[in-house]
Amino acid sequence: MNNELIIKAEKYCKELLNNGRCNLLQFHNYCHTAEVAHNANLIAQKSNLTDAEREMVVISAYFHDVGNIETASGHEKLSCTIAREFLQKQNFPEEKISIVEHTILSTEMGREPTNLLEEILNDADFSHLGMTTFTERNRLLREEWETFLDMTFTDKEWITLNIKFLEQHHFYTEVAQKIFGKQKSANLIKFKQAI
């Protein structure tokens, strides 16, 4: 794995996210991106990926939400464009750039991952569902939707929406199921008790 390239990608994405619209977002900001990249790397290591595969999934994680600097709707396509421009300047192979793009696109809501790299990024993107910090992260997401998407919910509507989402969501990789599954179940129970 090219650690120098990973550090450059992290720095570049951090600057984009912290110096634009994402700095104002309560959830989809650099904190989320750093968490996703950390968990993508963790899942990739425990899934015995090659260094090259791990490199691609971590790069995808850093770039997966940078399109939010301009728009929430369809941000994944813009994220791919930004990733491509950056990676071409680093002389990253075209074949690997294409894999990074497909991996990023797999995070679009409603799209199913088609390979292990995509499964890992999707699991990392939703890893907060299975963390003890879920309640706080969930509150931030609700604030972001209200502030930037004009989507407001009563407490009961929000709880019901989250119960449905948590029940329908599943982690794709065995590694993510082991790391995040138990806490995700506990978070679901908390929501059910609140209704």
C-alpha atoms as a PDB file:
ATOM      1  CA  MET A   1       0.000   0.000   0.000  1.00  0.00           C
ATOM      2  CA  ASN A   2       1.355   3.402  -0.998  1.00  0.00           C
ATOM      3  CA  ASN A   3       1.183   5.240   2.345  1.00  0.00           C
ATOM      4  CA  GLU A   4       2.446   8.469   0.761  1.00  0.00           C
ATOM      5  CA  LEU A   5      -0.488   8.448  -1.676  1.00  0.00           C
ATOM      6  CA  ILE A   6      -2.964   7.693   1.141  1.00  0.00           C
ATOM      7  CA  ILE A   7      -1.613  10.627   3.170  1.00  0.00           C
ATOM      8  CA  LYS A   8      -1.888  12.927   0.130  1.00  0.00           C
ATOM      9  CA  ALA A   9      -5.461  11.759  -0.531  1.00  0.00           C
ATOM     10  CA  GLU A  10      -6.416  12.270   3.116  1.00  0.00           C
ATOM     11  CA  LYS A  11      -4.917  15.775   3.174  1.00  0.00           C
ATOM     12  CA  TYR A  12      -6.564  16.743  -0.120  1.00  0.00           C
ATOM     13  CA  CYS A  13     -10.014  15.501   0.942  1.00  0.00           C
ATOM     14  CA  LYS A  14      -9.692  17.086   4.386  1.00  0.00           C
ATOM     15  CA  GLU A  15      -8.949  20.470   2.785  1.00  0.00           C
ATOM     16  CA  LEU A  16     -11.896  20.149   0.384  1.00  0.00           C
ATOM     17  CA  LEU A  17     -14.315  19.139   3.128  1.00  0.00           C
ATOM     18  CA  ASN A  18     -13.101  21.669   5.703  1.00  0.00           C
ATOM     19  CA  ASN A  19     -12.920  24.627   3.324  1.00  0.00           C
ATOM     20  CA  GLY A  20     -16.306  24.228   1.655  1.00  0.00           C
ATOM     21  CA  ARG A  21     -19.964  23.574   2.294  1.00  0.00           C
ATOM     22  CA  CYS A  22     -19.193  20.337   4.165  1.00  0.00           C
ATOM     23  CA  ASN A  23     -17.611  22.298   6.992  1.00  0.00           C
ATOM     24  CA  LEU A  24     -21.140  23.480   7.802  1.00  0.00           C
ATOM     25  CA  LEU A  25     -22.728  20.030   7.582  1.00  0.00           C
ATOM     26  CA  GLN A  26     -23.384  18.420  10.934  1.00  0.00           C
ATOM     27  CA  PHE A  27     -22.914  14.826   9.702  1.00  0.00           C
ATOM     28  CA  HIS A  28     -21.386  14.629   6.209  1.00  0.00           C
ATOM     29  CA  ASN A  29     -18.163  16.413   7.120  1.00  0.00           C
ATOM     30  CA  TYR A  30     -14.512  15.444   7.519  1.00  0.00           C
ATOM     31  CA  CYS A  31     -15.215  13.676  10.828  1.00  0.00           C
ATOM     32  CA  HIS A  32     -17.517  11.224   9.017  1.00  0.00           C
ATOM     33  CA  THR A  33     -15.026  10.760   6.169  1.00  0.00           C
ATOM     34  CA  ALA A  34     -12.140  10.054   8.562  1.00  0.00           C
ATOM     35  CA  GLU A  35     -14.277   7.531  10.442  1.00  0.00           C
ATOM     36  CA  VAL A  36     -15.290   5.793   7.194  1.00  0.00           C
ATOM     37  CA  ALA A  37     -11.673   5.652   5.980  1.00  0.00           C
ATOM     38  CA  HIS A  38     -10.502   4.243   9.333  1.00  0.00           C
ATOM     39  CA  ASN A  39     -13.208   1.570   9.351  1.00  0.00           C
ATOM     40  CA  ALA A  40     -12.709   0.726   5.659  1.00  0.00           C
ATOM     41  CA  ASN A  41      -9.029   0.114   6.387  1.00  0.00           C
ATOM     42  CA  LEU A  42      -9.888  -1.958   9.464  1.00  0.00           C
ATOM     43  CA  ILE A  43     -12.424  -4.123   7.613  1.00  0.00           C
ATOM     44  CA  ALA A  44     -10.060  -4.474   4.631  1.00  0.00           C
ATOM     45  CA  GLN A  45      -7.188  -5.636   6.866  1.00  0.00           C
ATOM     46  CA  LYS A  46      -9.365  -8.178   8.669  1.00  0.00           C
ATOM     47  CA  SER A  47     -10.788  -9.358   5.303  1.00  0.00           C
ATOM     48  CA  ASN A  48      -7.245 -10.204   4.130  1.00  0.00           C
ATOM     49  CA  LEU A  49      -7.277  -7.868   1.145  1.00  0.00           C
ATOM     50  CA  THR A  50      -4.068  -7.372  -0.795  1.00  0.00           C
ATOM     51  CA  ASP A  51      -2.203  -4.103  -0.244  1.00  0.00           C
ATOM     52  CA  ALA A  52      -3.373  -2.871  -3.669  1.00  0.00           C
ATOM     53  CA  GLU A  53      -7.027  -3.649  -2.860  1.00  0.00           C
ATOM     54  CA  ARG A  54      -6.765  -2.044   0.565  1.00  0.00           C
ATOM     55  CA  GLU A  55      -5.201   1.046  -1.004  1.00  0.00           C
ATOM     56  CA  MET A  56      -8.117   1.385  -3.454  1.00  0.00           C
ATOM     57  CA  VAL A  57     -10.797   0.952  -0.793  1.00  0.00           C
ATOM     58  CA  VAL A  58      -9.164   3.486   1.564  1.00  0.00           C
ATOM     59  CA  ILE A  59      -8.791   6.019  -1.268  1.00  0.00           C
ATOM     60  CA  SER A  60     -12.453   5.431  -2.169  1.00  0.00           C
ATOM     61  CA  ALA A  61     -13.394   6.048   1.454  1.00  0.00           C
ATOM     62  CA  TYR A  62     -11.602   9.391   1.569  1.00  0.00           C
ATOM     63  CA  PHE A  63     -13.264  10.565  -1.647  1.00  0.00           C
ATOM     64  CA  HIS A  64     -16.727   8.977  -1.260  1.00  0.00           C
ATOM     65  CA  ASP A  65     -18.469  12.128   0.065  1.00  0.00           C
ATOM     66  CA  VAL A  66     -16.340  14.994  -1.297  1.00  0.00           C
ATOM     67  CA  GLY A  67     -19.042  15.727  -3.889  1.00  0.00           C
ATOM     68  CA  ASN A  68     -21.066  17.074  -0.965  1.00  0.00           C
ATOM     69  CA  ILE A  69     -18.953  20.237  -1.243  1.00  0.00           C
ATOM     70  CA  GLU A  70     -21.415  21.237  -4.002  1.00  0.00           C
ATOM     71  CA  THR A  71     -24.551  19.114  -3.639  1.00  0.00           C
ATOM     72  CA  ALA A  72     -26.143  16.360  -1.573  1.00  0.00           C
ATOM     73  CA  SER A  73     -28.184  14.949  -4.456  1.00  0.00           C
ATOM     74  CA  GLY A  74     -26.021  12.808  -6.717  1.00  0.00           C
ATOM     75  CA  HIS A  75     -22.837  13.811  -4.915  1.00  0.00           C
ATOM     76  CA  GLU A  76     -21.278  10.413  -5.653  1.00  0.00           C
ATOM     77  CA  LYS A  77     -20.761  11.253  -9.351  1.00  0.00           C
ATOM     78  CA  LEU A  78     -19.006  14.508  -8.452  1.00  0.00           C
ATOM     79  CA  SER A  79     -16.936  12.584  -5.879  1.00  0.00           C
ATOM     80  CA  CYS A  80     -15.783  10.296  -8.719  1.00  0.00           C
ATOM     81  CA  THR A  81     -14.802  13.262 -10.894  1.00  0.00           C
ATOM     82  CA  ILE A  82     -12.799  14.832  -8.068  1.00  0.00           C
ATOM     83  CA  ALA A  83     -11.125  11.483  -7.247  1.00  0.00           C
ATOM     84  CA  ARG A  84     -10.256  10.886 -10.914  1.00  0.00           C
ATOM     85  CA  GLU A  85      -8.646  14.330 -11.321  1.00  0.00           C
ATOM     86  CA  PHE A  86      -6.597  13.871  -8.149  1.00  0.00           C
ATOM     87  CA  LEU A  87      -5.495  10.309  -8.965  1.00  0.00           C
ATOM     88  CA  GLN A  88      -4.530  11.141 -12.556  1.00  0.00           C
ATOM     89  CA  LYS A  89      -2.191  13.836 -11.214  1.00  0.00           C
ATOM     90  CA  GLN A  90      -0.611  11.141  -9.000  1.00  0.00           C
ATOM     91  CA  ASN A  91      -0.113   8.865 -12.054  1.00  0.00           C
ATOM     92  CA  PHE A  92      -2.442   6.274 -10.518  1.00  0.00           C
ATOM     93  CA  PRO A  93      -3.183   3.499 -13.049  1.00  0.00           C
ATOM     94  CA  GLU A  94      -6.373   3.956 -15.111  1.00  0.00           C
ATOM     95  CA  GLU A  95      -7.640   0.477 -14.213  1.00  0.00           C
ATOM     96  CA  LYS A  96      -7.387   1.301 -10.502  1.00  0.00           C
ATOM     97  CA  ILE A  97      -9.035   4.717 -10.968  1.00  0.00           C
ATOM     98  CA  SER A  98     -11.990   2.942 -12.568  1.00  0.00           C
ATOM     99  CA  ILE A  99     -12.242   0.562  -9.583  1.00  0.00           C
ATOM    100  CA  VAL A 100     -12.148   3.530  -7.172  1.00  0.00           C
ATOM    101  CA  GLU A 101     -14.959   5.205  -9.136  1.00  0.00           C
ATOM    102  CA  HIS A 102     -17.144   2.092  -9.082  1.00  0.00           C
ATOM    103  CA  THR A 103     -16.462   1.646  -5.378  1.00  0.00           C
ATOM    104  CA  ILE A 104     -17.530   5.245  -4.656  1.00  0.00           C
ATOM    105  CA  LEU A 105     -20.671   4.893  -6.815  1.00  0.00           C
ATOM    106  CA  SER A 106     -21.679   1.799  -4.832  1.00  0.00           C
ATOM    107  CA  THR A 107     -22.448   4.092  -1.864  1.00  0.00           C
ATOM    108  CA  GLU A 108     -25.435   5.653  -3.672  1.00  0.00           C
ATOM    109  CA  MET A 109     -28.614   4.957  -1.700  1.00  0.00           C
ATOM    110  CA  GLY A 110     -30.481   2.015  -3.180  1.00  0.00           C
ATOM    111  CA  ARG A 111     -27.480   0.615  -5.059  1.00  0.00           C
ATOM    112  CA  GLU A 112     -26.199  -2.827  -4.082  1.00  0.00           C
ATOM    113  CA  PRO A 113     -22.441  -3.459  -3.944  1.00  0.00           C
ATOM    114  CA  THR A 114     -21.198  -5.978  -6.526  1.00  0.00           C
ATOM    115  CA  ASN A 115     -17.805  -7.000  -5.091  1.00  0.00           C
ATOM    116  CA  LEU A 116     -15.846  -7.143  -1.847  1.00  0.00           C
ATOM    117  CA  LEU A 117     -14.297  -3.656  -2.147  1.00  0.00           C
ATOM    118  CA  GLU A 118     -17.750  -2.127  -2.605  1.00  0.00           C
ATOM    119  CA  GLU A 119     -19.125  -4.179   0.297  1.00  0.00           C
ATOM    120  CA  ILE A 120     -16.307  -2.962   2.550  1.00  0.00           C
ATOM    121  CA  LEU A 121     -16.880   0.711   1.688  1.00  0.00           C
ATOM    122  CA  ASN A 122     -20.631   0.356   2.208  1.00  0.00           C
ATOM    123  CA  ASP A 123     -20.091  -1.320   5.572  1.00  0.00           C
ATOM    124  CA  ALA A 124     -17.627   1.400   6.602  1.00  0.00           C
ATOM    125  CA  ASP A 125     -20.028   4.132   5.433  1.00  0.00           C
ATOM    126  CA  PHE A 126     -22.727   2.770   7.748  1.00  0.00           C
ATOM    127  CA  SER A 127     -20.421   1.633  10.547  1.00  0.00           C
ATOM    128  CA  HIS A 128     -21.849   4.372  12.798  1.00  0.00           C
ATOM    129  CA  LEU A 129     -25.046   2.282  13.005  1.00  0.00           C
ATOM    130  CA  GLY A 130     -23.072  -0.227  15.062  1.00  0.00           C
ATOM    131  CA  MET A 131     -21.160   2.131  17.315  1.00  0.00           C
ATOM    132  CA  THR A 132     -21.758   3.425  20.830  1.00  0.00           C
ATOM    133  CA  THR A 133     -21.691   6.967  19.384  1.00  0.00           C
ATOM    134  CA  PHE A 134     -24.725   6.194  17.199  1.00  0.00           C
ATOM    135  CA  THR A 135     -27.218   8.302  19.183  1.00  0.00           C
ATOM    136  CA  GLU A 136     -25.062  11.420  18.823  1.00  0.00           C
ATOM    137  CA  ARG A 137     -24.247  10.765  15.125  1.00  0.00           C
ATOM    138  CA  ASN A 138     -27.947  10.166  14.463  1.00  0.00           C
ATOM    139  CA  ARG A 139     -28.859  13.480  16.104  1.00  0.00           C
ATOM    140  CA  LEU A 140     -26.337  15.268  13.884  1.00  0.00           C
ATOM    141  CA  LEU A 141     -27.807  13.631  10.771  1.00  0.00           C
ATOM    142  CA  ARG A 142     -31.281  14.773  11.778  1.00  0.00           C
ATOM    143  CA  GLU A 143     -30.012  18.344  12.263  1.00  0.00           C
ATOM    144  CA  GLU A 144     -28.290  18.266   8.871  1.00  0.00           C
ATOM    145  CA  TRP A 145     -31.451  17.068   7.104  1.00  0.00           C
ATOM    146  CA  GLU A 146     -33.495  19.777   8.794  1.00  0.00           C
ATOM    147  CA  THR A 147     -30.984  22.554   8.084  1.00  0.00           C
ATOM    148  CA  PHE A 148     -29.840  21.699   4.556  1.00  0.00           C
ATOM    149  CA  LEU A 149     -32.563  19.482   3.064  1.00  0.00           C
ATOM    150  CA  ASP A 150     -35.574  21.098   4.749  1.00  0.00           C
ATOM    151  CA  MET A 151     -36.673  17.675   6.021  1.00  0.00           C
ATOM    152  CA  THR A 152     -38.285  17.883   9.436  1.00  0.00           C
ATOM    153  CA  PHE A 153     -39.676  15.070  11.543  1.00  0.00           C
ATOM    154  CA  THR A 154     -41.553  14.775  14.798  1.00  0.00           C
ATOM    155  CA  ASP A 155     -39.684  12.690  17.377  1.00  0.00           C
ATOM    156  CA  LYS A 156     -42.038   9.778  16.726  1.00  0.00           C
ATOM    157  CA  GLU A 157     -41.554  10.022  12.946  1.00  0.00           C
ATOM    158  CA  TRP A 158     -37.778  10.130  13.357  1.00  0.00           C
ATOM    159  CA  ILE A 159     -37.734   7.123  15.686  1.00  0.00           C
ATOM    160  CA  THR A 160     -40.027   5.147  13.361  1.00  0.00           C
ATOM    161  CA  LEU A 161     -37.891   6.025  10.327  1.00  0.00           C
ATOM    162  CA  ASN A 162     -34.733   4.895  12.131  1.00  0.00           C
ATOM    163  CA  ILE A 163     -36.273   1.648  13.363  1.00  0.00           C
ATOM    164  CA  LYS A 164     -37.283   0.802   9.792  1.00  0.00           C
ATOM    165  CA  PHE A 165     -33.832   1.695   8.454  1.00  0.00           C
ATOM    166  CA  LEU A 166     -31.976  -0.270  11.130  1.00  0.00           C
ATOM    167  CA  GLU A 167     -34.195  -3.312  10.577  1.00  0.00           C
ATOM    168  CA  GLN A 168     -33.715  -3.234   6.786  1.00  0.00           C
ATOM    169  CA  HIS A 169     -29.983  -2.488   6.849  1.00  0.00           C
ATOM    170  CA  HIS A 170     -27.450  -5.298   6.901  1.00  0.00           C
ATOM    171  CA  PHE A 171     -23.678  -5.359   6.933  1.00  0.00           C
ATOM    172  CA  TYR A 172     -22.319  -7.207   3.904  1.00  0.00           C
ATOM    173  CA  THR A 173     -18.994  -8.489   5.218  1.00  0.00           C
ATOM    174  CA  GLU A 174     -18.554 -11.022   8.003  1.00  0.00           C
ATOM    175  CA  VAL A 175     -15.922  -8.724   9.516  1.00  0.00           C
ATOM    176  CA  ALA A 176     -18.340  -5.779   9.809  1.00  0.00           C
ATOM    177  CA  GLN A 177     -21.048  -8.076  11.169  1.00  0.00           C
ATOM    178  CA  LYS A 178     -18.656  -9.196  13.906  1.00  0.00           C
ATOM    179  CA  ILE A 179     -17.358  -5.705  14.726  1.00  0.00           C
ATOM    180  CA  PHE A 180     -20.575  -3.674  14.469  1.00  0.00           C
ATOM    181  CA  GLY A 181     -23.502  -6.126  14.536  1.00  0.00           C
ATOM    182  CA  LYS A 182     -23.955  -6.498  18.289  1.00  0.00           C
ATOM    183  CA  GLN A 183     -23.960  -2.740  18.974  1.00  0.00           C
ATOM    184  CA  LYS A 184     -26.266  -2.122  16.009  1.00  0.00           C
ATOM    185  CA  SER A 185     -28.780  -4.523  17.582  1.00  0.00           C
ATOM    186  CA  ALA A 186     -28.446  -2.670  20.899  1.00  0.00           C
ATOM    187  CA  ASN A 187     -29.020   0.662  19.120  1.00  0.00           C
ATOM    188  CA  LEU A 188     -32.157  -0.738  17.484  1.00  0.00           C
ATOM    189  CA  ILE A 189     -33.476  -1.898  20.872  1.00  0.00           C
ATOM    190  CA  LYS A 190     -32.907   1.616  22.271  1.00  0.00           C
ATOM    191  CA  PHE A 191     -35.027   3.112  19.488  1.00  0.00           C
ATOM    192  CA  LYS A 192     -37.778   0.555  19.985  1.00  0.00           C
ATOM    193  CA  GLN A 193     -37.853   1.343  23.707  1.00  0.00           C
ATOM    194  CA  ALA A 194     -38.174   5.075  22.927  1.00  0.00           C
ATOM    195  CA  ILE A 195     -41.364   4.696  20.877  1.00  0.00           C
END
